[in-house]
N, C-alpha and C. Protein backbone atom coordinates (compact mmCIF):
# COMPACT_ATOMS: atom_id res chain seq x y z
N UNK A 1 -14.51 -11.86 -0.76
CA UNK A 1 -13.13 -11.82 -0.36
C UNK A 1 -12.52 -13.22 -0.51
N UNK A 2 -11.34 -13.23 -1.06
CA UNK A 2 -10.67 -14.52 -1.22
C UNK A 2 -9.73 -14.76 -0.03
N UNK A 3 -9.54 -16.02 0.30
CA UNK A 3 -8.63 -16.34 1.40
C UNK A 3 -7.18 -16.30 0.89
N UNK A 4 -6.25 -16.49 1.81
CA UNK A 4 -4.83 -16.38 1.46
C UNK A 4 -4.40 -17.39 0.39
N UNK A 5 -4.92 -18.60 0.48
CA UNK A 5 -4.56 -19.62 -0.50
C UNK A 5 -5.09 -19.28 -1.89
N UNK A 6 -6.32 -18.80 -1.95
CA UNK A 6 -6.89 -18.38 -3.24
C UNK A 6 -6.08 -17.22 -3.83
N UNK A 7 -5.71 -16.28 -2.96
CA UNK A 7 -4.92 -15.14 -3.40
C UNK A 7 -3.59 -15.62 -3.98
N UNK A 8 -2.92 -16.51 -3.25
CA UNK A 8 -1.63 -17.04 -3.69
C UNK A 8 -1.76 -17.81 -5.01
N UNK A 9 -2.82 -18.61 -5.11
CA UNK A 9 -3.05 -19.36 -6.35
C UNK A 9 -3.26 -18.43 -7.54
N UNK A 10 -4.04 -17.37 -7.35
CA UNK A 10 -4.28 -16.42 -8.44
C UNK A 10 -2.99 -15.68 -8.79
N UNK A 11 -2.22 -15.34 -7.77
CA UNK A 11 -0.95 -14.65 -8.00
C UNK A 11 -0.02 -15.54 -8.83
N UNK A 12 0.09 -16.81 -8.45
CA UNK A 12 0.93 -17.75 -9.18
C UNK A 12 0.45 -17.94 -10.62
N UNK A 13 -0.86 -18.02 -10.79
CA UNK A 13 -1.42 -18.18 -12.14
C UNK A 13 -1.14 -16.93 -12.98
N UNK A 14 -1.29 -15.75 -12.39
CA UNK A 14 -1.01 -14.51 -13.11
C UNK A 14 0.45 -14.46 -13.55
N UNK A 15 1.34 -14.87 -12.68
CA UNK A 15 2.76 -14.91 -13.01
C UNK A 15 3.02 -15.89 -14.17
N UNK A 16 2.39 -17.05 -14.10
CA UNK A 16 2.53 -18.04 -15.17
C UNK A 16 2.01 -17.48 -16.50
N UNK A 17 0.84 -16.87 -16.46
CA UNK A 17 0.28 -16.26 -17.67
C UNK A 17 1.22 -15.21 -18.25
N UNK A 18 1.79 -14.40 -17.38
CA UNK A 18 2.72 -13.36 -17.83
C UNK A 18 3.92 -13.99 -18.54
N UNK A 19 4.48 -15.03 -17.93
CA UNK A 19 5.63 -15.72 -18.52
C UNK A 19 5.29 -16.37 -19.85
N UNK A 20 4.06 -16.87 -19.97
CA UNK A 20 3.61 -17.53 -21.20
C UNK A 20 3.22 -16.53 -22.29
N UNK A 21 3.19 -15.25 -21.94
CA UNK A 21 2.79 -14.24 -22.92
C UNK A 21 1.29 -14.02 -23.00
N UNK A 22 0.57 -14.60 -22.08
CA UNK A 22 -0.90 -14.40 -22.02
C UNK A 22 -1.17 -13.14 -21.20
N UNK A 23 -0.77 -12.02 -21.74
CA UNK A 23 -0.75 -10.76 -21.00
C UNK A 23 -2.14 -10.28 -20.57
N UNK A 24 -3.12 -10.44 -21.40
CA UNK A 24 -4.48 -9.98 -21.04
C UNK A 24 -5.02 -10.82 -19.89
N UNK A 25 -4.80 -12.13 -19.93
CA UNK A 25 -5.24 -13.00 -18.83
C UNK A 25 -4.51 -12.64 -17.54
N UNK A 26 -3.20 -12.40 -17.65
CA UNK A 26 -2.42 -12.01 -16.47
C UNK A 26 -2.90 -10.67 -15.94
N UNK A 27 -3.17 -9.73 -16.84
CA UNK A 27 -3.64 -8.40 -16.45
C UNK A 27 -4.95 -8.50 -15.67
N UNK A 28 -5.86 -9.32 -16.14
CA UNK A 28 -7.15 -9.50 -15.45
C UNK A 28 -6.95 -10.02 -14.03
N UNK A 29 -6.08 -11.00 -13.87
CA UNK A 29 -5.83 -11.56 -12.54
C UNK A 29 -5.13 -10.56 -11.62
N UNK A 30 -4.13 -9.86 -12.16
CA UNK A 30 -3.44 -8.86 -11.33
C UNK A 30 -4.40 -7.74 -10.91
N UNK A 31 -5.30 -7.34 -11.79
CA UNK A 31 -6.30 -6.32 -11.42
C UNK A 31 -7.19 -6.84 -10.30
N UNK A 32 -7.61 -8.09 -10.40
CA UNK A 32 -8.45 -8.69 -9.36
C UNK A 32 -7.71 -8.71 -8.01
N UNK A 33 -6.44 -9.07 -8.04
CA UNK A 33 -5.63 -9.10 -6.82
C UNK A 33 -5.44 -7.69 -6.25
N UNK A 34 -5.24 -6.73 -7.13
CA UNK A 34 -5.07 -5.34 -6.70
C UNK A 34 -6.34 -4.84 -6.00
N UNK A 35 -7.49 -5.11 -6.59
CA UNK A 35 -8.77 -4.72 -5.98
C UNK A 35 -8.94 -5.39 -4.63
N UNK A 36 -8.55 -6.65 -4.53
CA UNK A 36 -8.63 -7.36 -3.24
C UNK A 36 -7.79 -6.65 -2.18
N UNK A 37 -6.57 -6.26 -2.53
CA UNK A 37 -5.72 -5.56 -1.57
C UNK A 37 -6.31 -4.22 -1.15
N UNK A 38 -6.90 -3.49 -2.09
CA UNK A 38 -7.52 -2.21 -1.77
C UNK A 38 -8.70 -2.41 -0.81
N UNK A 39 -9.48 -3.45 -1.05
CA UNK A 39 -10.60 -3.75 -0.14
C UNK A 39 -10.10 -4.10 1.25
N UNK A 40 -9.05 -4.90 1.32
CA UNK A 40 -8.48 -5.26 2.62
C UNK A 40 -7.96 -4.01 3.34
N UNK A 41 -7.32 -3.13 2.60
CA UNK A 41 -6.80 -1.90 3.21
C UNK A 41 -7.94 -1.04 3.73
N UNK A 42 -9.03 -0.96 2.99
CA UNK A 42 -10.19 -0.18 3.44
C UNK A 42 -10.80 -0.80 4.69
N UNK A 43 -10.93 -2.13 4.71
CA UNK A 43 -11.47 -2.80 5.89
C UNK A 43 -10.58 -2.56 7.11
N UNK A 44 -9.28 -2.63 6.91
CA UNK A 44 -8.33 -2.38 7.98
C UNK A 44 -8.50 -0.96 8.51
N UNK A 45 -8.55 0.00 7.60
CA UNK A 45 -8.68 1.41 8.01
C UNK A 45 -10.02 1.67 8.70
N UNK A 46 -11.08 1.01 8.24
CA UNK A 46 -12.40 1.19 8.87
C UNK A 46 -12.39 0.71 10.31
N UNK A 47 -11.70 -0.39 10.56
CA UNK A 47 -11.63 -0.91 11.93
C UNK A 47 -10.98 0.10 12.87
N UNK A 48 -9.97 0.77 12.38
CA UNK A 48 -9.26 1.75 13.20
C UNK A 48 -10.06 3.04 13.33
N UNK A 49 -10.71 3.45 12.25
CA UNK A 49 -11.38 4.74 12.19
C UNK A 49 -12.89 4.68 12.39
N UNK A 50 -13.41 3.53 12.77
CA UNK A 50 -14.87 3.33 12.80
C UNK A 50 -15.62 4.47 13.48
N UNK A 51 -15.28 4.87 14.69
CA UNK A 51 -16.04 5.92 15.38
C UNK A 51 -15.92 7.26 14.66
N UNK A 52 -14.75 7.58 14.20
CA UNK A 52 -14.55 8.87 13.54
C UNK A 52 -15.35 8.94 12.24
N UNK A 53 -15.31 7.88 11.46
CA UNK A 53 -15.96 7.88 10.15
C UNK A 53 -17.49 7.88 10.29
N UNK A 54 -18.03 7.08 11.18
CA UNK A 54 -19.46 6.88 11.21
C UNK A 54 -20.23 7.82 12.13
N UNK A 55 -19.58 8.68 12.87
CA UNK A 55 -20.31 9.59 13.73
C UNK A 55 -21.18 10.56 12.95
N UNK A 56 -20.63 11.16 11.90
CA UNK A 56 -21.37 12.20 11.19
C UNK A 56 -21.77 11.79 9.78
N UNK A 57 -20.84 11.25 9.02
CA UNK A 57 -21.12 10.96 7.62
C UNK A 57 -20.50 9.62 7.25
N UNK A 58 -21.33 8.67 6.90
CA UNK A 58 -20.82 7.33 6.61
C UNK A 58 -19.98 7.27 5.35
N UNK A 59 -20.06 8.28 4.50
CA UNK A 59 -19.30 8.26 3.25
C UNK A 59 -18.03 9.11 3.31
N UNK A 60 -17.81 9.77 4.40
CA UNK A 60 -16.65 10.65 4.51
C UNK A 60 -15.39 9.84 4.81
N UNK A 61 -14.34 10.12 4.07
CA UNK A 61 -13.06 9.50 4.33
C UNK A 61 -12.16 10.54 4.97
N UNK A 62 -11.70 10.23 6.15
CA UNK A 62 -10.82 11.18 6.84
C UNK A 62 -9.39 11.00 6.35
N UNK A 63 -8.57 12.03 6.51
CA UNK A 63 -7.15 11.86 6.15
C UNK A 63 -6.51 10.70 6.91
N UNK A 64 -6.92 10.50 8.15
CA UNK A 64 -6.36 9.39 8.93
C UNK A 64 -6.76 8.05 8.33
N UNK A 65 -7.99 7.94 7.83
CA UNK A 65 -8.44 6.72 7.16
C UNK A 65 -7.54 6.41 5.98
N UNK A 66 -7.27 7.41 5.15
CA UNK A 66 -6.42 7.21 3.98
C UNK A 66 -5.00 6.85 4.38
N UNK A 67 -4.52 7.46 5.44
CA UNK A 67 -3.17 7.14 5.92
C UNK A 67 -3.11 5.70 6.42
N UNK A 68 -4.13 5.28 7.17
CA UNK A 68 -4.15 3.90 7.68
C UNK A 68 -4.24 2.89 6.55
N UNK A 69 -5.03 3.18 5.53
CA UNK A 69 -5.13 2.28 4.38
C UNK A 69 -3.78 2.20 3.67
N UNK A 70 -3.12 3.34 3.51
CA UNK A 70 -1.80 3.36 2.87
C UNK A 70 -0.78 2.56 3.66
N UNK A 71 -0.83 2.68 4.98
CA UNK A 71 0.09 1.91 5.82
C UNK A 71 -0.14 0.41 5.63
N UNK A 72 -1.39 0.01 5.51
CA UNK A 72 -1.70 -1.40 5.28
C UNK A 72 -1.07 -1.87 3.96
N UNK A 73 -1.22 -1.05 2.92
CA UNK A 73 -0.69 -1.42 1.60
C UNK A 73 0.83 -1.44 1.58
N UNK A 74 1.46 -0.71 2.49
CA UNK A 74 2.92 -0.72 2.58
C UNK A 74 3.44 -1.69 3.64
N UNK A 75 2.55 -2.47 4.24
CA UNK A 75 2.98 -3.38 5.31
C UNK A 75 3.80 -4.56 4.78
N UNK A 76 3.65 -4.87 3.52
CA UNK A 76 4.49 -5.87 2.86
C UNK A 76 4.65 -5.42 1.41
N UNK A 77 5.27 -6.22 0.59
CA UNK A 77 5.55 -5.77 -0.77
C UNK A 77 4.49 -6.17 -1.80
N UNK A 78 3.38 -6.76 -1.38
CA UNK A 78 2.39 -7.25 -2.33
C UNK A 78 1.79 -6.15 -3.20
N UNK A 79 1.35 -5.06 -2.60
CA UNK A 79 0.74 -3.98 -3.39
C UNK A 79 1.75 -3.40 -4.37
N UNK A 80 2.98 -3.23 -3.93
CA UNK A 80 4.02 -2.71 -4.81
C UNK A 80 4.32 -3.69 -5.94
N UNK A 81 4.42 -4.95 -5.62
CA UNK A 81 4.72 -5.99 -6.61
C UNK A 81 3.60 -6.13 -7.64
N UNK A 82 2.37 -6.16 -7.17
CA UNK A 82 1.23 -6.29 -8.09
C UNK A 82 1.12 -5.05 -8.97
N UNK A 83 1.28 -3.87 -8.38
CA UNK A 83 1.23 -2.63 -9.17
C UNK A 83 2.33 -2.62 -10.23
N UNK A 84 3.50 -3.10 -9.85
CA UNK A 84 4.61 -3.15 -10.81
C UNK A 84 4.31 -4.12 -11.95
N UNK A 85 3.74 -5.27 -11.64
CA UNK A 85 3.38 -6.22 -12.69
C UNK A 85 2.31 -5.65 -13.61
N UNK A 86 1.34 -4.94 -13.04
CA UNK A 86 0.34 -4.27 -13.87
C UNK A 86 1.02 -3.26 -14.79
N UNK A 87 1.96 -2.53 -14.25
CA UNK A 87 2.70 -1.54 -15.02
C UNK A 87 3.42 -2.19 -16.20
N UNK A 88 4.13 -3.25 -15.95
CA UNK A 88 4.91 -3.92 -16.99
C UNK A 88 3.99 -4.43 -18.11
N UNK A 89 2.90 -5.08 -17.73
CA UNK A 89 1.99 -5.62 -18.74
C UNK A 89 1.35 -4.48 -19.54
N UNK A 90 0.92 -3.43 -18.85
CA UNK A 90 0.31 -2.31 -19.57
C UNK A 90 1.31 -1.65 -20.52
N UNK A 91 2.55 -1.53 -20.09
CA UNK A 91 3.58 -0.94 -20.96
C UNK A 91 3.82 -1.83 -22.17
N UNK A 92 3.89 -3.14 -21.95
CA UNK A 92 4.13 -4.08 -23.04
C UNK A 92 2.98 -4.12 -24.04
N UNK A 93 1.78 -3.77 -23.59
CA UNK A 93 0.62 -3.77 -24.50
C UNK A 93 0.34 -2.38 -25.06
N UNK A 94 1.26 -1.44 -24.81
CA UNK A 94 1.14 -0.11 -25.41
C UNK A 94 0.32 0.90 -24.65
N UNK A 95 -0.07 0.60 -23.44
CA UNK A 95 -0.87 1.52 -22.62
C UNK A 95 0.06 2.29 -21.67
N UNK A 96 0.81 3.21 -22.24
CA UNK A 96 1.88 3.90 -21.50
C UNK A 96 1.36 4.74 -20.33
N UNK A 97 0.28 5.47 -20.50
CA UNK A 97 -0.22 6.32 -19.41
C UNK A 97 -0.73 5.48 -18.24
N UNK A 98 -1.46 4.42 -18.55
CA UNK A 98 -1.93 3.53 -17.48
C UNK A 98 -0.74 2.86 -16.80
N UNK A 99 0.27 2.50 -17.58
CA UNK A 99 1.48 1.89 -17.01
C UNK A 99 2.15 2.86 -16.05
N UNK A 100 2.25 4.10 -16.45
CA UNK A 100 2.88 5.13 -15.60
C UNK A 100 2.11 5.27 -14.28
N UNK A 101 0.78 5.25 -14.35
CA UNK A 101 -0.07 5.35 -13.16
C UNK A 101 0.25 4.22 -12.17
N UNK A 102 0.31 3.00 -12.68
CA UNK A 102 0.58 1.86 -11.79
C UNK A 102 2.03 1.84 -11.32
N UNK A 103 2.94 2.36 -12.12
CA UNK A 103 4.32 2.43 -11.67
C UNK A 103 4.45 3.40 -10.50
N UNK A 104 3.75 4.52 -10.57
CA UNK A 104 3.75 5.48 -9.45
C UNK A 104 3.18 4.83 -8.19
N UNK A 105 2.11 4.04 -8.37
CA UNK A 105 1.54 3.34 -7.22
C UNK A 105 2.53 2.31 -6.67
N UNK A 106 3.22 1.64 -7.56
CA UNK A 106 4.21 0.66 -7.14
C UNK A 106 5.26 1.32 -6.24
N UNK A 107 5.69 2.49 -6.62
CA UNK A 107 6.67 3.22 -5.82
C UNK A 107 6.05 3.67 -4.50
N UNK A 108 4.81 4.15 -4.56
CA UNK A 108 4.11 4.64 -3.37
C UNK A 108 3.95 3.53 -2.32
N UNK A 109 3.74 2.30 -2.78
CA UNK A 109 3.47 1.19 -1.87
C UNK A 109 4.71 0.40 -1.46
N UNK A 110 5.88 0.92 -1.76
CA UNK A 110 7.10 0.24 -1.33
C UNK A 110 7.14 0.22 0.19
N UNK A 111 7.33 -0.95 0.80
CA UNK A 111 7.42 -1.01 2.26
C UNK A 111 8.62 -0.20 2.75
N UNK A 112 8.49 0.35 3.92
CA UNK A 112 9.58 1.12 4.52
C UNK A 112 10.85 0.31 4.59
N UNK A 113 11.97 0.95 4.25
CA UNK A 113 13.26 0.30 4.31
C UNK A 113 13.61 -0.53 3.09
N UNK A 114 12.70 -0.62 2.13
CA UNK A 114 12.96 -1.39 0.91
C UNK A 114 13.52 -0.47 -0.16
N UNK A 115 14.55 -0.92 -0.82
CA UNK A 115 15.15 -0.14 -1.90
C UNK A 115 14.41 -0.40 -3.20
N UNK A 116 14.21 0.63 -3.98
CA UNK A 116 13.65 0.50 -5.32
C UNK A 116 14.64 1.19 -6.24
N UNK A 117 15.59 0.45 -6.76
CA UNK A 117 16.73 1.06 -7.46
C UNK A 117 16.32 1.84 -8.70
N UNK A 118 16.83 3.03 -8.77
CA UNK A 118 16.73 3.88 -9.96
C UNK A 118 15.32 3.99 -10.52
N UNK A 119 14.32 4.14 -9.66
CA UNK A 119 12.96 4.17 -10.18
C UNK A 119 12.70 5.40 -11.03
N UNK A 120 13.41 6.49 -10.81
CA UNK A 120 13.20 7.67 -11.64
C UNK A 120 13.64 7.40 -13.09
N UNK A 121 14.67 6.61 -13.27
CA UNK A 121 15.09 6.25 -14.62
C UNK A 121 13.99 5.45 -15.31
N UNK A 122 13.36 4.52 -14.57
CA UNK A 122 12.31 3.71 -15.15
C UNK A 122 11.08 4.55 -15.50
N UNK A 123 10.81 5.60 -14.72
CA UNK A 123 9.68 6.48 -15.02
C UNK A 123 9.86 7.11 -16.39
N UNK A 124 11.07 7.50 -16.72
CA UNK A 124 11.33 8.13 -18.02
C UNK A 124 11.09 7.14 -19.15
N UNK A 125 11.49 5.89 -18.93
CA UNK A 125 11.30 4.87 -19.95
C UNK A 125 9.84 4.54 -20.12
């Protein structure tokens, strides 16, 4: 697990790579950041659901676990922002289906009360 400063440094580097046109390098960093957020969300959900999850089956994910992880990912705009950047890079490199997948995640992880203007129009594009 990386600390907040490492996360921020990688995020800044990914943004720089994207601006410089080093799309594959940026894509690798954004994927690493995305995986980090998913791990954090799982750890968060495990803390809340520990007794429920581990009583019977250590591999079972309860609907509440998934909801708690989703709430963590929507607690700020990082998951949405990183997913959107993955989407843009994948679209620019011709990976339309993968881009669509990350764009849907970007919309899913929008924090409550945040506007995402005309996202249905962008889905068509």
